[in-house]
N, C-alpha and C. Protein backbone atom coordinates (compact mmCIF):
# COMPACT_ATOMS: atom_id res chain seq x y z
N MET A 1 -11.87 -4.10 -9.74
CA MET A 1 -10.42 -4.00 -9.74
C MET A 1 -9.86 -5.32 -10.22
N GLU A 2 -8.91 -5.24 -11.09
CA GLU A 2 -8.34 -6.44 -11.71
C GLU A 2 -6.93 -6.66 -11.19
N THR A 3 -6.64 -7.89 -10.77
CA THR A 3 -5.28 -8.22 -10.35
C THR A 3 -4.82 -9.44 -11.13
N ASN A 4 -3.58 -9.38 -11.58
CA ASN A 4 -2.97 -10.54 -12.24
C ASN A 4 -1.46 -10.39 -12.23
N ASN A 5 -0.76 -11.50 -12.14
CA ASN A 5 0.71 -11.51 -12.14
C ASN A 5 1.31 -10.51 -11.15
N GLY A 6 0.68 -10.31 -10.03
CA GLY A 6 1.21 -9.39 -9.04
C GLY A 6 0.84 -7.95 -9.28
N ASN A 7 0.20 -7.65 -10.42
CA ASN A 7 -0.20 -6.28 -10.72
C ASN A 7 -1.62 -6.02 -10.26
N ILE A 8 -1.86 -4.80 -9.87
CA ILE A 8 -3.21 -4.36 -9.57
C ILE A 8 -3.51 -3.20 -10.51
N ASN A 9 -4.59 -3.31 -11.25
CA ASN A 9 -4.99 -2.24 -12.15
C ASN A 9 -6.03 -1.39 -11.45
N ILE A 10 -5.71 -0.13 -11.31
CA ILE A 10 -6.55 0.77 -10.54
C ILE A 10 -7.25 1.73 -11.48
N GLY A 11 -8.55 1.70 -11.50
CA GLY A 11 -9.34 2.63 -12.31
C GLY A 11 -9.83 3.78 -11.46
N GLN A 12 -10.26 4.83 -12.10
CA GLN A 12 -10.70 6.02 -11.39
C GLN A 12 -11.94 5.81 -10.52
N CYS A 13 -12.73 4.80 -10.79
CA CYS A 13 -13.98 4.63 -10.05
C CYS A 13 -13.80 3.91 -8.73
N PHE A 14 -12.60 3.51 -8.39
CA PHE A 14 -12.37 2.74 -7.18
C PHE A 14 -11.99 3.61 -6.00
N VAL A 15 -12.26 3.09 -4.81
CA VAL A 15 -11.92 3.78 -3.57
C VAL A 15 -10.66 3.15 -2.98
N LEU A 16 -10.05 3.86 -2.04
CA LEU A 16 -8.81 3.36 -1.43
C LEU A 16 -9.00 2.01 -0.75
N GLY A 17 -10.17 1.78 -0.19
CA GLY A 17 -10.45 0.51 0.47
C GLY A 17 -10.32 -0.68 -0.46
N ASP A 18 -10.63 -0.48 -1.75
CA ASP A 18 -10.48 -1.57 -2.73
C ASP A 18 -9.01 -1.95 -2.89
N ILE A 19 -8.14 -0.96 -2.88
CA ILE A 19 -6.70 -1.23 -2.99
C ILE A 19 -6.23 -1.97 -1.74
N GLN A 20 -6.68 -1.50 -0.58
CA GLN A 20 -6.31 -2.16 0.67
C GLN A 20 -6.77 -3.61 0.70
N GLU A 21 -7.98 -3.86 0.22
CA GLU A 21 -8.53 -5.22 0.21
C GLU A 21 -7.72 -6.14 -0.69
N ALA A 22 -7.38 -5.66 -1.90
CA ALA A 22 -6.58 -6.47 -2.83
C ALA A 22 -5.20 -6.76 -2.24
N PHE A 23 -4.60 -5.76 -1.60
CA PHE A 23 -3.29 -5.92 -0.98
C PHE A 23 -3.35 -6.94 0.16
N SER A 24 -4.38 -6.84 1.00
CA SER A 24 -4.52 -7.75 2.14
C SER A 24 -4.78 -9.19 1.73
N LYS A 25 -5.47 -9.37 0.61
CA LYS A 25 -5.69 -10.74 0.12
C LYS A 25 -4.37 -11.37 -0.30
N LYS A 26 -3.51 -10.56 -0.89
CA LYS A 26 -2.22 -11.05 -1.36
C LYS A 26 -1.23 -11.23 -0.21
N TYR A 27 -1.28 -10.31 0.75
CA TYR A 27 -0.36 -10.32 1.89
C TYR A 27 -1.16 -10.18 3.19
N PRO A 28 -1.67 -11.28 3.73
CA PRO A 28 -2.57 -11.19 4.89
C PRO A 28 -1.93 -10.69 6.19
N PHE A 29 -0.61 -10.66 6.26
CA PHE A 29 0.06 -10.18 7.47
C PHE A 29 0.64 -8.77 7.29
N LEU A 30 0.26 -8.13 6.18
CA LEU A 30 0.68 -6.75 5.91
C LEU A 30 -0.55 -5.88 5.73
N LYS A 31 -0.36 -4.59 5.92
CA LYS A 31 -1.45 -3.63 5.76
C LYS A 31 -0.90 -2.42 5.04
N ILE A 32 -1.73 -1.81 4.20
CA ILE A 32 -1.33 -0.60 3.49
C ILE A 32 -2.31 0.51 3.82
N ASP A 33 -1.77 1.66 4.18
CA ASP A 33 -2.57 2.86 4.45
C ASP A 33 -2.03 3.98 3.57
N PHE A 34 -2.86 5.00 3.38
CA PHE A 34 -2.50 6.08 2.48
C PHE A 34 -2.64 7.44 3.15
N PHE A 35 -1.74 8.33 2.78
CA PHE A 35 -1.77 9.71 3.21
C PHE A 35 -1.84 10.59 1.97
N GLU A 36 -2.44 11.75 2.11
CA GLU A 36 -2.49 12.72 1.03
C GLU A 36 -1.27 13.63 1.14
N ILE A 37 -0.84 14.16 0.01
CA ILE A 37 0.28 15.10 -0.02
C ILE A 37 -0.23 16.51 0.22
N ASP A 38 0.42 17.23 1.12
CA ASP A 38 0.12 18.64 1.34
C ASP A 38 0.76 19.41 0.20
N LYS A 39 -0.05 20.09 -0.59
CA LYS A 39 0.44 20.78 -1.80
C LYS A 39 1.41 21.91 -1.46
N VAL A 40 1.28 22.51 -0.29
CA VAL A 40 2.14 23.63 0.10
C VAL A 40 3.53 23.14 0.52
N THR A 41 3.57 22.15 1.40
CA THR A 41 4.86 21.68 1.93
C THR A 41 5.42 20.48 1.18
N ASN A 42 4.61 19.88 0.30
CA ASN A 42 5.00 18.70 -0.47
C ASN A 42 5.40 17.53 0.44
N THR A 43 4.72 17.43 1.58
CA THR A 43 4.94 16.32 2.51
C THR A 43 3.61 15.63 2.79
N ALA A 44 3.70 14.45 3.39
CA ALA A 44 2.48 13.71 3.72
C ALA A 44 1.74 14.41 4.85
N LYS A 45 0.43 14.47 4.73
CA LYS A 45 -0.39 14.99 5.82
C LYS A 45 -0.36 13.97 6.95
N SER A 46 -0.69 14.41 8.16
CA SER A 46 -0.49 13.56 9.33
C SER A 46 -1.57 12.52 9.59
N SER A 47 -2.69 12.58 8.88
CA SER A 47 -3.74 11.59 9.14
C SER A 47 -3.98 10.72 7.91
N PHE A 48 -4.39 9.46 8.19
CA PHE A 48 -4.69 8.53 7.10
C PHE A 48 -5.85 9.05 6.27
N LEU A 49 -5.84 8.73 4.99
CA LEU A 49 -7.00 9.02 4.14
C LEU A 49 -8.09 8.00 4.44
N ASP A 50 -9.33 8.43 4.37
CA ASP A 50 -10.48 7.55 4.59
C ASP A 50 -10.51 6.49 3.50
N ILE A 51 -10.83 5.24 3.88
CA ILE A 51 -10.83 4.14 2.91
C ILE A 51 -11.92 4.29 1.86
N ASN A 52 -12.91 5.14 2.12
CA ASN A 52 -13.98 5.37 1.15
C ASN A 52 -13.68 6.51 0.19
N THR A 53 -12.48 7.07 0.28
CA THR A 53 -12.08 8.15 -0.61
C THR A 53 -11.91 7.63 -2.03
N LYS A 54 -12.60 8.27 -2.97
CA LYS A 54 -12.47 7.87 -4.37
C LYS A 54 -11.16 8.40 -4.93
N LEU A 55 -10.54 7.60 -5.77
CA LEU A 55 -9.26 8.00 -6.37
C LEU A 55 -9.40 9.25 -7.23
N THR A 56 -10.59 9.47 -7.78
CA THR A 56 -10.80 10.66 -8.61
C THR A 56 -10.63 11.94 -7.81
N LYS A 57 -10.77 11.87 -6.50
CA LYS A 57 -10.58 13.06 -5.66
C LYS A 57 -9.10 13.32 -5.39
N LEU A 58 -8.26 12.31 -5.66
CA LEU A 58 -6.85 12.40 -5.27
C LEU A 58 -5.88 12.55 -6.43
N THR A 59 -6.27 12.05 -7.58
CA THR A 59 -5.32 12.01 -8.70
C THR A 59 -6.01 12.37 -9.99
N SER A 60 -5.24 12.82 -10.94
CA SER A 60 -5.80 13.19 -12.24
C SER A 60 -5.59 12.10 -13.29
N GLN A 61 -5.13 10.93 -12.88
CA GLN A 61 -4.92 9.83 -13.83
C GLN A 61 -6.24 9.45 -14.48
N ASP A 62 -6.29 9.43 -15.81
CA ASP A 62 -7.52 9.10 -16.52
C ASP A 62 -7.59 7.65 -16.96
N GLU A 63 -6.47 6.98 -17.02
CA GLU A 63 -6.44 5.60 -17.50
C GLU A 63 -6.16 4.66 -16.34
N LEU A 64 -6.36 3.38 -16.60
CA LEU A 64 -5.98 2.39 -15.60
C LEU A 64 -4.48 2.48 -15.36
N THR A 65 -4.09 2.45 -14.14
CA THR A 65 -2.69 2.49 -13.78
C THR A 65 -2.34 1.16 -13.14
N GLY A 66 -1.30 0.54 -13.66
CA GLY A 66 -0.87 -0.75 -13.10
C GLY A 66 0.18 -0.55 -12.04
N ILE A 67 -0.03 -1.16 -10.90
CA ILE A 67 0.94 -1.10 -9.82
C ILE A 67 1.35 -2.53 -9.50
N ASN A 68 2.64 -2.79 -9.59
CA ASN A 68 3.17 -4.14 -9.37
C ASN A 68 3.33 -4.39 -7.87
N MET A 69 2.56 -5.35 -7.36
CA MET A 69 2.64 -5.75 -5.96
C MET A 69 3.21 -7.16 -5.85
N GLY A 70 4.10 -7.52 -6.78
CA GLY A 70 4.68 -8.86 -6.81
C GLY A 70 5.53 -9.16 -5.59
N HIS A 71 5.72 -10.45 -5.32
CA HIS A 71 6.45 -10.92 -4.14
C HIS A 71 7.87 -10.39 -4.04
N ASN A 72 8.52 -10.13 -5.17
CA ASN A 72 9.92 -9.70 -5.16
C ASN A 72 10.10 -8.19 -5.08
N ARG A 73 9.00 -7.46 -5.04
CA ARG A 73 9.10 -6.00 -4.90
C ARG A 73 9.36 -5.65 -3.44
N THR A 74 10.14 -4.61 -3.21
CA THR A 74 10.38 -4.16 -1.84
C THR A 74 9.28 -3.19 -1.42
N VAL A 75 9.18 -3.00 -0.12
CA VAL A 75 8.23 -2.03 0.41
C VAL A 75 8.53 -0.65 -0.17
N ALA A 76 9.81 -0.29 -0.23
CA ALA A 76 10.20 1.02 -0.75
C ALA A 76 9.79 1.19 -2.21
N GLU A 77 9.95 0.15 -3.01
CA GLU A 77 9.57 0.23 -4.43
C GLU A 77 8.06 0.41 -4.58
N LEU A 78 7.29 -0.32 -3.79
CA LEU A 78 5.84 -0.20 -3.87
C LEU A 78 5.39 1.20 -3.46
N ALA A 79 5.94 1.70 -2.37
CA ALA A 79 5.59 3.04 -1.91
C ALA A 79 5.95 4.09 -2.96
N GLU A 80 7.10 3.92 -3.60
CA GLU A 80 7.52 4.86 -4.64
C GLU A 80 6.56 4.83 -5.83
N ASP A 81 6.09 3.64 -6.20
CA ASP A 81 5.12 3.53 -7.29
C ASP A 81 3.83 4.27 -6.98
N PHE A 82 3.31 4.09 -5.78
CA PHE A 82 2.07 4.79 -5.41
C PHE A 82 2.27 6.29 -5.45
N PHE A 83 3.44 6.76 -5.02
CA PHE A 83 3.70 8.19 -5.04
C PHE A 83 3.84 8.71 -6.47
N ASN A 84 4.65 8.03 -7.28
CA ASN A 84 4.90 8.49 -8.64
C ASN A 84 3.71 8.34 -9.57
N MET A 85 2.95 7.26 -9.42
CA MET A 85 1.85 6.99 -10.34
C MET A 85 0.53 7.63 -9.91
N LEU A 86 0.30 7.72 -8.61
CA LEU A 86 -0.99 8.20 -8.12
C LEU A 86 -0.89 9.40 -7.19
N GLY A 87 0.33 9.81 -6.86
CA GLY A 87 0.48 10.96 -5.97
C GLY A 87 0.07 10.67 -4.54
N LEU A 88 0.14 9.41 -4.13
CA LEU A 88 -0.24 9.02 -2.77
C LEU A 88 0.98 8.56 -1.99
N VAL A 89 1.00 8.88 -0.71
CA VAL A 89 2.02 8.33 0.17
C VAL A 89 1.44 7.06 0.77
N ALA A 90 2.10 5.94 0.51
CA ALA A 90 1.65 4.64 1.02
C ALA A 90 2.53 4.24 2.20
N GLU A 91 1.90 3.75 3.25
CA GLU A 91 2.63 3.27 4.42
C GLU A 91 2.28 1.80 4.62
N ILE A 92 3.30 0.95 4.60
CA ILE A 92 3.11 -0.49 4.78
C ILE A 92 3.43 -0.84 6.23
N SER A 93 2.54 -1.60 6.85
CA SER A 93 2.74 -2.06 8.22
C SER A 93 2.72 -3.58 8.25
N ARG A 94 3.45 -4.14 9.21
CA ARG A 94 3.55 -5.59 9.36
C ARG A 94 2.90 -5.98 10.70
N LYS A 95 2.09 -7.03 10.67
CA LYS A 95 1.42 -7.49 11.88
C LYS A 95 2.45 -8.08 12.84
N SER A 96 2.35 -7.66 14.08
CA SER A 96 3.25 -8.16 15.12
C SER A 96 2.40 -8.47 16.34
N GLY A 97 1.86 -9.67 16.36
CA GLY A 97 0.92 -10.03 17.42
C GLY A 97 -0.40 -9.31 17.21
N LYS A 98 -0.75 -8.43 18.17
CA LYS A 98 -2.00 -7.69 18.08
C LYS A 98 -1.82 -6.25 17.61
N VAL A 99 -0.60 -5.88 17.28
CA VAL A 99 -0.32 -4.51 16.83
C VAL A 99 0.27 -4.53 15.42
N TRP A 100 0.26 -3.37 14.80
CA TRP A 100 0.85 -3.20 13.47
C TRP A 100 2.09 -2.33 13.60
N SER A 101 3.22 -2.80 13.06
CA SER A 101 4.48 -2.07 13.10
C SER A 101 4.80 -1.54 11.71
N VAL A 102 5.10 -0.25 11.64
CA VAL A 102 5.47 0.35 10.36
C VAL A 102 6.80 -0.24 9.93
N THR A 103 6.96 -0.47 8.64
CA THR A 103 8.14 -1.17 8.11
C THR A 103 9.24 -0.23 7.64
N LYS A 104 9.29 0.99 8.16
CA LYS A 104 10.28 1.97 7.71
C LYS A 104 11.72 1.44 7.79
N LEU A 105 12.06 0.77 8.88
CA LEU A 105 13.43 0.28 9.05
C LEU A 105 13.75 -0.91 8.17
N THR A 106 12.73 -1.57 7.67
CA THR A 106 12.93 -2.77 6.84
C THR A 106 12.29 -2.58 5.47
N ASP A 107 12.23 -1.34 4.99
CA ASP A 107 11.56 -1.12 3.70
C ASP A 107 12.36 -1.63 2.51
N SER A 108 13.58 -2.12 2.76
CA SER A 108 14.36 -2.75 1.68
C SER A 108 14.03 -4.24 1.55
N TRP A 109 13.24 -4.77 2.47
CA TRP A 109 12.81 -6.16 2.39
C TRP A 109 11.71 -6.29 1.34
N THR A 110 11.63 -7.47 0.74
CA THR A 110 10.55 -7.71 -0.23
C THR A 110 9.23 -7.88 0.52
N LEU A 111 8.16 -7.72 -0.23
CA LEU A 111 6.82 -7.90 0.35
C LEU A 111 6.65 -9.32 0.88
N GLU A 112 7.19 -10.29 0.14
CA GLU A 112 7.10 -11.69 0.57
C GLU A 112 7.85 -11.90 1.89
N THR A 113 9.05 -11.33 2.01
CA THR A 113 9.84 -11.47 3.23
C THR A 113 9.13 -10.80 4.41
N GLN A 114 8.58 -9.61 4.17
CA GLN A 114 7.83 -8.91 5.23
C GLN A 114 6.66 -9.76 5.71
N ASN A 115 5.89 -10.28 4.76
CA ASN A 115 4.71 -11.07 5.09
C ASN A 115 5.10 -12.34 5.85
N SER A 116 6.16 -13.01 5.40
CA SER A 116 6.63 -14.24 6.06
C SER A 116 7.12 -13.95 7.48
N ALA A 117 7.84 -12.84 7.65
CA ALA A 117 8.33 -12.47 8.98
C ALA A 117 7.16 -12.21 9.92
N ALA A 118 6.16 -11.51 9.43
CA ALA A 118 4.98 -11.22 10.26
C ALA A 118 4.22 -12.49 10.61
N GLU A 119 4.11 -13.39 9.65
CA GLU A 119 3.42 -14.65 9.91
C GLU A 119 4.16 -15.44 11.00
N PHE A 120 5.49 -15.45 10.92
CA PHE A 120 6.31 -16.15 11.91
C PHE A 120 6.13 -15.53 13.30
N ILE A 121 6.20 -14.22 13.38
CA ILE A 121 6.04 -13.52 14.67
C ILE A 121 4.68 -13.83 15.27
N CYS A 122 3.65 -13.78 14.44
CA CYS A 122 2.28 -14.04 14.93
C CYS A 122 2.12 -15.49 15.40
N SER A 123 2.85 -16.40 14.78
CA SER A 123 2.74 -17.81 15.18
C SER A 123 3.35 -18.07 16.56
N LEU A 124 4.23 -17.17 16.99
CA LEU A 124 4.87 -17.32 18.30
C LEU A 124 4.06 -16.71 19.43
N MET A 125 3.06 -15.94 19.08
CA MET A 125 2.29 -15.22 20.11
C MET A 125 0.98 -15.89 20.41
């Protein structure tokens, strides 16, 4: 998997865990999980996808797809990219001490702001 300038290039041979690893290296106080779309209801299924799931099982994209994970992107923008480009529902969580809090209420914050807030919270605990 290739990352540069905030972009992650995702090829068909990679598993979801590779995306999570690249994201965690860039944002150590954030976590990304994925859900599959239920084709009947067009909503996210209730359980996380296994990190060993190959992208070829989830999407029909044949070429490398670039997803911008730059510091100025919001959580909402990143989640929208994963949905539009790969058909995946992405859920971003922020570390809060020993637990992970979903960022739904703050999805308009940038990834950098989310990561900094989590780092600050963890430093107080």
